[in-house]
Amino acid sequence: MRFKDTYVVALALSVVFATASALSQEPDDVEALKLGQPKDVASYVSRAFECSHFLGEPVYDRNRAKEIDVALKKWKCSRLDSDGAHLARKYESDAKVLKVLHATREF
């Protein structure tokens, strides 16, 4: 392989890895929502973000459909509404928590 080819491959790989790293992190606004929240609420915020992400993913083949299905099960997306309702009852007198729980509906 010539130097130019090696350079192009290395550059392409660095872009792929940088993109993968960026995608694996929650956006700053999600992190800001979690800041100062009880552990169960912060965990719920992460789940809500991940569920929203995977529910919005295109299913373009069987493999991708399986990946999405695995992720939805991992993040317990089918229980998200009931878990959110439980947290709202648990923290019904905490306006900051309720505001964060409401904000997760915008994901």
Foldseek 3Di string as FASTA:
>chain_A
DDPVVVVVVVVVVVVVVVVVVVVVDDDPVLVVLLPPDPPLLNLLSVLLVQLVVLVPDDDPDDVSVVVSVVSCVVSVVVCSVVSLVVVCVVPVVPPSSVVSSVVSVVD
